[in-house]
Amino acid sequence: MSRLLVVDDEANIRILYSEELADEGYEVVTAANTAEAIEKLQQTPFDLVVLDIKLKNENGIELLQKLVRERHEMPVILCSAFSCYKDDFSAWLADGYIVKSGDLTELKQEIARVLAKKIQKAKIGL
């Protein structure tokens, strides 16, 4: 079972993602801000992070950059209500990018794709 960390400042999104992704067989932990996310990342290893870009007064891109520097083996999928960040060079550090939707099909597919890629990399020793 893969363990996911969902970082989003909206409580309803955290609940929705947690329930839907748990139904897919993932173990899901949530965080409402970057400090909580960093604390949970220090306590437990995760297989993947789903990260919102706009977190109240914080920027998810800054957390993405920190994760890439310190935990480059852990994939991150950016999840935003805005498609405009897709063209931001910093967003390209992420392993995936999706625009938030009430239909979580794309998110679920992207998580499965990124986790499969991670497993493939591990098999060939990258």
N, C-alpha and C. Protein backbone atom coordinates (compact mmCIF):
# COMPACT_ATOMS: atom_id res chain seq x y z
N MET A 1 0.84 -1.18 0.00
CA MET A 1 0.00 0.00 0.00
C MET A 1 0.89 1.24 0.00
N SER A 2 0.66 2.11 -0.95
CA SER A 2 1.44 3.35 -1.03
C SER A 2 0.88 4.38 -0.06
N ARG A 3 1.79 5.13 0.52
CA ARG A 3 1.41 6.16 1.49
C ARG A 3 1.53 7.54 0.83
N LEU A 4 0.43 8.29 0.86
CA LEU A 4 0.38 9.60 0.21
C LEU A 4 0.22 10.69 1.24
N LEU A 5 0.85 11.84 0.98
CA LEU A 5 0.63 13.03 1.79
C LEU A 5 -0.08 14.05 0.91
N VAL A 6 -1.25 14.49 1.33
CA VAL A 6 -2.02 15.50 0.61
C VAL A 6 -1.88 16.81 1.39
N VAL A 7 -1.34 17.83 0.71
CA VAL A 7 -1.14 19.14 1.34
C VAL A 7 -2.06 20.14 0.66
N ASP A 8 -3.06 20.59 1.40
CA ASP A 8 -4.03 21.55 0.85
C ASP A 8 -4.61 22.34 2.02
N ASP A 9 -4.79 23.64 1.82
CA ASP A 9 -5.31 24.47 2.90
C ASP A 9 -6.83 24.38 3.04
N GLU A 10 -7.51 23.80 2.08
CA GLU A 10 -8.96 23.69 2.14
C GLU A 10 -9.35 22.35 2.79
N ALA A 11 -10.05 22.45 3.92
CA ALA A 11 -10.43 21.25 4.67
C ALA A 11 -11.29 20.31 3.83
N ASN A 12 -12.22 20.88 3.04
CA ASN A 12 -13.09 20.03 2.23
C ASN A 12 -12.30 19.23 1.19
N ILE A 13 -11.28 19.86 0.62
CA ILE A 13 -10.43 19.15 -0.35
C ILE A 13 -9.67 18.03 0.35
N ARG A 14 -9.12 18.32 1.52
CA ARG A 14 -8.37 17.28 2.25
C ARG A 14 -9.27 16.08 2.56
N ILE A 15 -10.49 16.36 2.99
CA ILE A 15 -11.42 15.27 3.31
C ILE A 15 -11.78 14.49 2.05
N LEU A 16 -12.13 15.20 0.97
CA LEU A 16 -12.51 14.53 -0.28
C LEU A 16 -11.37 13.67 -0.81
N TYR A 17 -10.18 14.24 -0.91
CA TYR A 17 -9.04 13.49 -1.43
C TYR A 17 -8.72 12.30 -0.53
N SER A 18 -8.77 12.53 0.77
CA SER A 18 -8.45 11.46 1.72
C SER A 18 -9.40 10.28 1.54
N GLU A 19 -10.68 10.57 1.46
CA GLU A 19 -11.67 9.48 1.34
C GLU A 19 -11.57 8.79 -0.02
N GLU A 20 -11.48 9.58 -1.09
CA GLU A 20 -11.44 8.99 -2.44
C GLU A 20 -10.15 8.18 -2.66
N LEU A 21 -9.04 8.71 -2.20
CA LEU A 21 -7.78 8.00 -2.41
C LEU A 21 -7.66 6.79 -1.49
N ALA A 22 -8.26 6.85 -0.31
CA ALA A 22 -8.30 5.68 0.57
C ALA A 22 -9.12 4.57 -0.09
N ASP A 23 -10.21 4.96 -0.76
CA ASP A 23 -11.03 3.97 -1.49
C ASP A 23 -10.23 3.30 -2.61
N GLU A 24 -9.21 4.00 -3.12
CA GLU A 24 -8.36 3.44 -4.17
C GLU A 24 -7.28 2.53 -3.60
N GLY A 25 -7.21 2.46 -2.26
CA GLY A 25 -6.25 1.57 -1.63
C GLY A 25 -5.00 2.24 -1.11
N TYR A 26 -4.98 3.57 -1.12
CA TYR A 26 -3.81 4.28 -0.60
C TYR A 26 -4.00 4.61 0.87
N GLU A 27 -2.90 4.68 1.59
CA GLU A 27 -2.92 5.22 2.93
C GLU A 27 -2.69 6.72 2.79
N VAL A 28 -3.61 7.52 3.29
CA VAL A 28 -3.57 8.97 3.04
C VAL A 28 -3.43 9.72 4.35
N VAL A 29 -2.47 10.63 4.38
CA VAL A 29 -2.27 11.55 5.49
C VAL A 29 -2.42 12.95 4.90
N THR A 30 -2.99 13.87 5.67
CA THR A 30 -3.18 15.22 5.14
C THR A 30 -2.45 16.25 5.99
N ALA A 31 -2.18 17.38 5.35
CA ALA A 31 -1.58 18.53 6.03
C ALA A 31 -2.23 19.79 5.48
N ALA A 32 -2.45 20.78 6.36
CA ALA A 32 -3.13 22.01 5.95
C ALA A 32 -2.18 23.11 5.52
N ASN A 33 -0.88 22.95 5.81
CA ASN A 33 0.08 24.00 5.44
C ASN A 33 1.48 23.37 5.33
N THR A 34 2.44 24.19 4.95
CA THR A 34 3.78 23.65 4.72
C THR A 34 4.46 23.19 6.03
N ALA A 35 4.23 23.92 7.11
CA ALA A 35 4.85 23.53 8.39
C ALA A 35 4.34 22.15 8.83
N GLU A 36 3.04 21.94 8.71
CA GLU A 36 2.46 20.64 9.08
C GLU A 36 2.98 19.56 8.13
N ALA A 37 3.10 19.89 6.85
CA ALA A 37 3.61 18.92 5.88
C ALA A 37 5.04 18.51 6.21
N ILE A 38 5.87 19.50 6.51
CA ILE A 38 7.28 19.20 6.84
C ILE A 38 7.36 18.35 8.10
N GLU A 39 6.54 18.68 9.09
CA GLU A 39 6.52 17.88 10.33
C GLU A 39 6.14 16.43 10.03
N LYS A 40 5.13 16.23 9.21
CA LYS A 40 4.70 14.85 8.90
C LYS A 40 5.73 14.13 8.04
N LEU A 41 6.40 14.88 7.17
CA LEU A 41 7.44 14.27 6.34
C LEU A 41 8.63 13.84 7.19
N GLN A 42 8.89 14.54 8.27
CA GLN A 42 9.99 14.18 9.16
C GLN A 42 9.64 12.95 10.00
N GLN A 43 8.36 12.74 10.25
CA GLN A 43 7.92 11.64 11.10
C GLN A 43 7.75 10.33 10.34
N THR A 44 7.34 10.43 9.07
CA THR A 44 6.95 9.25 8.32
C THR A 44 7.40 9.35 6.87
N PRO A 45 7.90 8.28 6.29
CA PRO A 45 8.20 8.32 4.85
C PRO A 45 6.91 8.23 4.02
N PHE A 46 6.88 8.95 2.92
CA PHE A 46 5.73 8.91 2.01
C PHE A 46 6.21 8.50 0.63
N ASP A 47 5.32 7.87 -0.12
CA ASP A 47 5.64 7.45 -1.48
C ASP A 47 5.39 8.57 -2.48
N LEU A 48 4.52 9.52 -2.12
CA LEU A 48 4.16 10.58 -3.06
C LEU A 48 3.48 11.70 -2.28
N VAL A 49 3.66 12.93 -2.77
CA VAL A 49 2.99 14.09 -2.18
C VAL A 49 2.10 14.72 -3.24
N VAL A 50 0.86 15.00 -2.87
CA VAL A 50 -0.06 15.79 -3.70
C VAL A 50 -0.10 17.16 -3.04
N LEU A 51 0.37 18.18 -3.78
CA LEU A 51 0.64 19.48 -3.19
C LEU A 51 -0.12 20.60 -3.90
N ASP A 52 -0.91 21.33 -3.14
CA ASP A 52 -1.60 22.51 -3.67
C ASP A 52 -0.57 23.63 -3.82
N ILE A 53 -0.73 24.47 -4.82
CA ILE A 53 0.22 25.57 -5.03
C ILE A 53 -0.11 26.76 -4.13
N LYS A 54 -1.37 27.13 -4.06
CA LYS A 54 -1.77 28.28 -3.24
C LYS A 54 -2.26 27.79 -1.90
N LEU A 55 -1.47 28.04 -0.86
CA LEU A 55 -1.79 27.61 0.49
C LEU A 55 -1.93 28.86 1.37
N LYS A 56 -3.09 29.46 1.40
CA LYS A 56 -3.32 30.71 2.15
C LYS A 56 -2.17 31.68 1.95
N ASN A 57 -1.34 31.89 2.95
CA ASN A 57 -0.23 32.85 2.85
C ASN A 57 1.07 32.18 2.42
N GLU A 58 1.01 30.94 2.00
CA GLU A 58 2.22 30.21 1.62
C GLU A 58 2.14 29.82 0.15
N ASN A 59 3.30 29.43 -0.37
CA ASN A 59 3.39 29.04 -1.76
C ASN A 59 3.86 27.58 -1.81
N GLY A 60 3.05 26.73 -2.39
CA GLY A 60 3.41 25.32 -2.49
C GLY A 60 4.66 25.09 -3.33
N ILE A 61 4.94 26.00 -4.25
CA ILE A 61 6.13 25.86 -5.09
C ILE A 61 7.39 25.89 -4.22
N GLU A 62 7.37 26.71 -3.17
CA GLU A 62 8.54 26.77 -2.28
C GLU A 62 8.74 25.42 -1.58
N LEU A 63 7.65 24.80 -1.15
CA LEU A 63 7.77 23.47 -0.54
C LEU A 63 8.24 22.46 -1.58
N LEU A 64 7.74 22.57 -2.80
CA LEU A 64 8.20 21.69 -3.88
C LEU A 64 9.71 21.79 -4.06
N GLN A 65 10.22 23.02 -4.10
CA GLN A 65 11.66 23.21 -4.27
C GLN A 65 12.45 22.58 -3.12
N LYS A 66 11.94 22.72 -1.90
CA LYS A 66 12.59 22.12 -0.73
C LYS A 66 12.59 20.59 -0.85
N LEU A 67 11.47 20.04 -1.27
CA LEU A 67 11.36 18.58 -1.40
C LEU A 67 12.29 18.05 -2.48
N VAL A 68 12.40 18.78 -3.57
CA VAL A 68 13.28 18.35 -4.66
C VAL A 68 14.73 18.36 -4.18
N ARG A 69 15.11 19.37 -3.38
CA ARG A 69 16.49 19.45 -2.86
C ARG A 69 16.77 18.35 -1.83
N GLU A 70 15.81 18.11 -0.94
CA GLU A 70 16.07 17.23 0.21
C GLU A 70 15.53 15.80 0.05
N ARG A 71 14.55 15.62 -0.81
CA ARG A 71 13.92 14.30 -0.97
C ARG A 71 13.59 14.06 -2.43
N HIS A 72 14.60 14.18 -3.25
CA HIS A 72 14.39 14.09 -4.70
C HIS A 72 13.78 12.77 -5.14
N GLU A 73 13.90 11.72 -4.31
CA GLU A 73 13.35 10.41 -4.68
C GLU A 73 11.83 10.33 -4.47
N MET A 74 11.27 11.30 -3.77
CA MET A 74 9.83 11.28 -3.48
C MET A 74 9.09 12.15 -4.50
N PRO A 75 8.26 11.56 -5.33
CA PRO A 75 7.56 12.34 -6.35
C PRO A 75 6.51 13.27 -5.75
N VAL A 76 6.31 14.37 -6.46
CA VAL A 76 5.32 15.38 -6.06
C VAL A 76 4.42 15.67 -7.25
N ILE A 77 3.12 15.67 -7.01
CA ILE A 77 2.15 16.09 -8.00
C ILE A 77 1.55 17.40 -7.53
N LEU A 78 1.71 18.44 -8.36
CA LEU A 78 1.08 19.72 -8.03
C LEU A 78 -0.38 19.65 -8.41
N CYS A 79 -1.21 20.21 -7.55
CA CYS A 79 -2.65 20.18 -7.75
C CYS A 79 -3.15 21.59 -7.48
N SER A 80 -3.64 22.25 -8.51
CA SER A 80 -4.02 23.65 -8.35
C SER A 80 -5.35 23.93 -9.03
N ALA A 81 -6.04 24.93 -8.54
CA ALA A 81 -7.27 25.38 -9.19
C ALA A 81 -6.93 26.20 -10.43
N PHE A 82 -5.65 26.55 -10.59
CA PHE A 82 -5.22 27.43 -11.67
C PHE A 82 -4.32 26.68 -12.65
N SER A 83 -4.65 26.75 -13.92
CA SER A 83 -3.81 26.10 -14.93
C SER A 83 -2.60 26.95 -15.30
N CYS A 84 -2.62 28.24 -14.94
CA CYS A 84 -1.55 29.16 -15.37
C CYS A 84 -0.18 28.78 -14.79
N TYR A 85 -0.14 28.11 -13.66
CA TYR A 85 1.15 27.74 -13.06
C TYR A 85 1.84 26.61 -13.82
N LYS A 86 1.10 25.96 -14.69
CA LYS A 86 1.68 24.85 -15.46
C LYS A 86 2.86 25.32 -16.30
N ASP A 87 2.86 26.58 -16.70
CA ASP A 87 3.94 27.12 -17.53
C ASP A 87 5.05 27.74 -16.70
N ASP A 88 4.91 27.75 -15.38
CA ASP A 88 5.94 28.30 -14.49
C ASP A 88 7.10 27.30 -14.44
N PHE A 89 8.31 27.79 -14.68
CA PHE A 89 9.48 26.90 -14.69
C PHE A 89 9.61 26.11 -13.39
N SER A 90 9.30 26.73 -12.27
CA SER A 90 9.42 26.04 -10.99
C SER A 90 8.46 24.86 -10.89
N ALA A 91 7.31 24.99 -11.50
CA ALA A 91 6.32 23.90 -11.46
C ALA A 91 6.82 22.68 -12.22
N TRP A 92 7.75 22.89 -13.14
CA TRP A 92 8.28 21.78 -13.93
C TRP A 92 9.10 20.82 -13.08
N LEU A 93 9.47 21.24 -11.87
CA LEU A 93 10.19 20.35 -10.97
C LEU A 93 9.31 19.19 -10.50
N ALA A 94 8.01 19.40 -10.54
CA ALA A 94 7.07 18.38 -10.07
C ALA A 94 7.00 17.22 -11.06
N ASP A 95 6.60 16.09 -10.57
CA ASP A 95 6.45 14.90 -11.41
C ASP A 95 5.12 14.89 -12.15
N GLY A 96 4.20 15.73 -11.71
CA GLY A 96 2.90 15.81 -12.35
C GLY A 96 2.21 17.11 -11.99
N TYR A 97 1.24 17.49 -12.79
CA TYR A 97 0.50 18.72 -12.54
C TYR A 97 -0.93 18.48 -13.00
N ILE A 98 -1.86 18.72 -12.11
CA ILE A 98 -3.26 18.61 -12.51
C ILE A 98 -4.02 19.83 -12.02
N VAL A 99 -5.09 20.14 -12.73
CA VAL A 99 -5.99 21.21 -12.32
C VAL A 99 -7.11 20.57 -11.50
N LYS A 100 -7.38 21.16 -10.35
CA LYS A 100 -8.41 20.62 -9.45
C LYS A 100 -9.75 20.50 -10.16
N SER A 101 -10.45 19.44 -9.81
CA SER A 101 -11.76 19.19 -10.40
C SER A 101 -12.57 18.36 -9.40
N GLY A 102 -13.87 18.45 -9.49
CA GLY A 102 -14.73 17.62 -8.67
C GLY A 102 -14.63 16.15 -9.06
N ASP A 103 -14.23 15.91 -10.30
CA ASP A 103 -14.00 14.56 -10.80
C ASP A 103 -12.53 14.22 -10.56
N LEU A 104 -12.26 13.28 -9.70
CA LEU A 104 -10.89 12.96 -9.31
C LEU A 104 -10.22 11.92 -10.21
N THR A 105 -10.85 11.62 -11.33
CA THR A 105 -10.30 10.61 -12.24
C THR A 105 -8.88 10.97 -12.68
N GLU A 106 -8.67 12.21 -13.10
CA GLU A 106 -7.34 12.63 -13.57
C GLU A 106 -6.31 12.54 -12.44
N LEU A 107 -6.70 12.96 -11.25
CA LEU A 107 -5.78 12.89 -10.11
C LEU A 107 -5.40 11.43 -9.83
N LYS A 108 -6.38 10.56 -9.81
CA LYS A 108 -6.12 9.15 -9.54
C LYS A 108 -5.20 8.54 -10.61
N GLN A 109 -5.47 8.89 -11.87
CA GLN A 109 -4.64 8.38 -12.96
C GLN A 109 -3.20 8.90 -12.85
N GLU A 110 -3.08 10.17 -12.49
CA GLU A 110 -1.74 10.77 -12.38
C GLU A 110 -0.97 10.14 -11.22
N ILE A 111 -1.64 9.90 -10.11
CA ILE A 111 -0.98 9.24 -8.97
C ILE A 111 -0.50 7.85 -9.39
N ALA A 112 -1.36 7.09 -10.05
CA ALA A 112 -0.99 5.74 -10.49
C ALA A 112 0.19 5.80 -11.46
N ARG A 113 0.16 6.78 -12.39
CA ARG A 113 1.25 6.92 -13.37
C ARG A 113 2.58 7.24 -12.68
N VAL A 114 2.55 8.21 -11.77
CA VAL A 114 3.78 8.65 -11.11
C VAL A 114 4.33 7.55 -10.20
N LEU A 115 3.46 6.85 -9.49
CA LEU A 115 3.93 5.76 -8.63
C LEU A 115 4.52 4.61 -9.47
N ALA A 116 3.90 4.32 -10.61
CA ALA A 116 4.44 3.27 -11.49
C ALA A 116 5.81 3.67 -12.01
N LYS A 117 5.98 4.93 -12.34
CA LYS A 117 7.28 5.44 -12.81
C LYS A 117 8.32 5.33 -11.70
N LYS A 118 7.92 5.64 -10.47
CA LYS A 118 8.84 5.54 -9.33
C LYS A 118 9.29 4.09 -9.14
N ILE A 119 8.37 3.16 -9.24
CA ILE A 119 8.70 1.74 -9.09
C ILE A 119 9.65 1.30 -10.21
N GLN A 120 9.37 1.76 -11.43
CA GLN A 120 10.23 1.41 -12.57
C GLN A 120 11.65 1.94 -12.37
N LYS A 121 11.76 3.18 -11.88
CA LYS A 121 13.08 3.77 -11.62
C LYS A 121 13.83 2.96 -10.57
N ALA A 122 13.12 2.53 -9.54
CA ALA A 122 13.75 1.74 -8.47
C ALA A 122 14.26 0.41 -9.01
N LYS A 123 13.51 -0.19 -9.93
CA LYS A 123 13.90 -1.48 -10.49
C LYS A 123 15.19 -1.38 -11.30
N ILE A 124 15.36 -0.26 -11.99
CA ILE A 124 16.56 -0.13 -12.82
C ILE A 124 17.67 0.63 -12.11
N GLY A 125 17.41 0.99 -10.85
CA GLY A 125 18.45 1.58 -10.02
C GLY A 125 18.70 3.06 -10.22
N LEU A 126 17.71 3.81 -10.67
CA LEU A 126 17.88 5.26 -10.82
C LEU A 126 17.53 6.00 -9.55
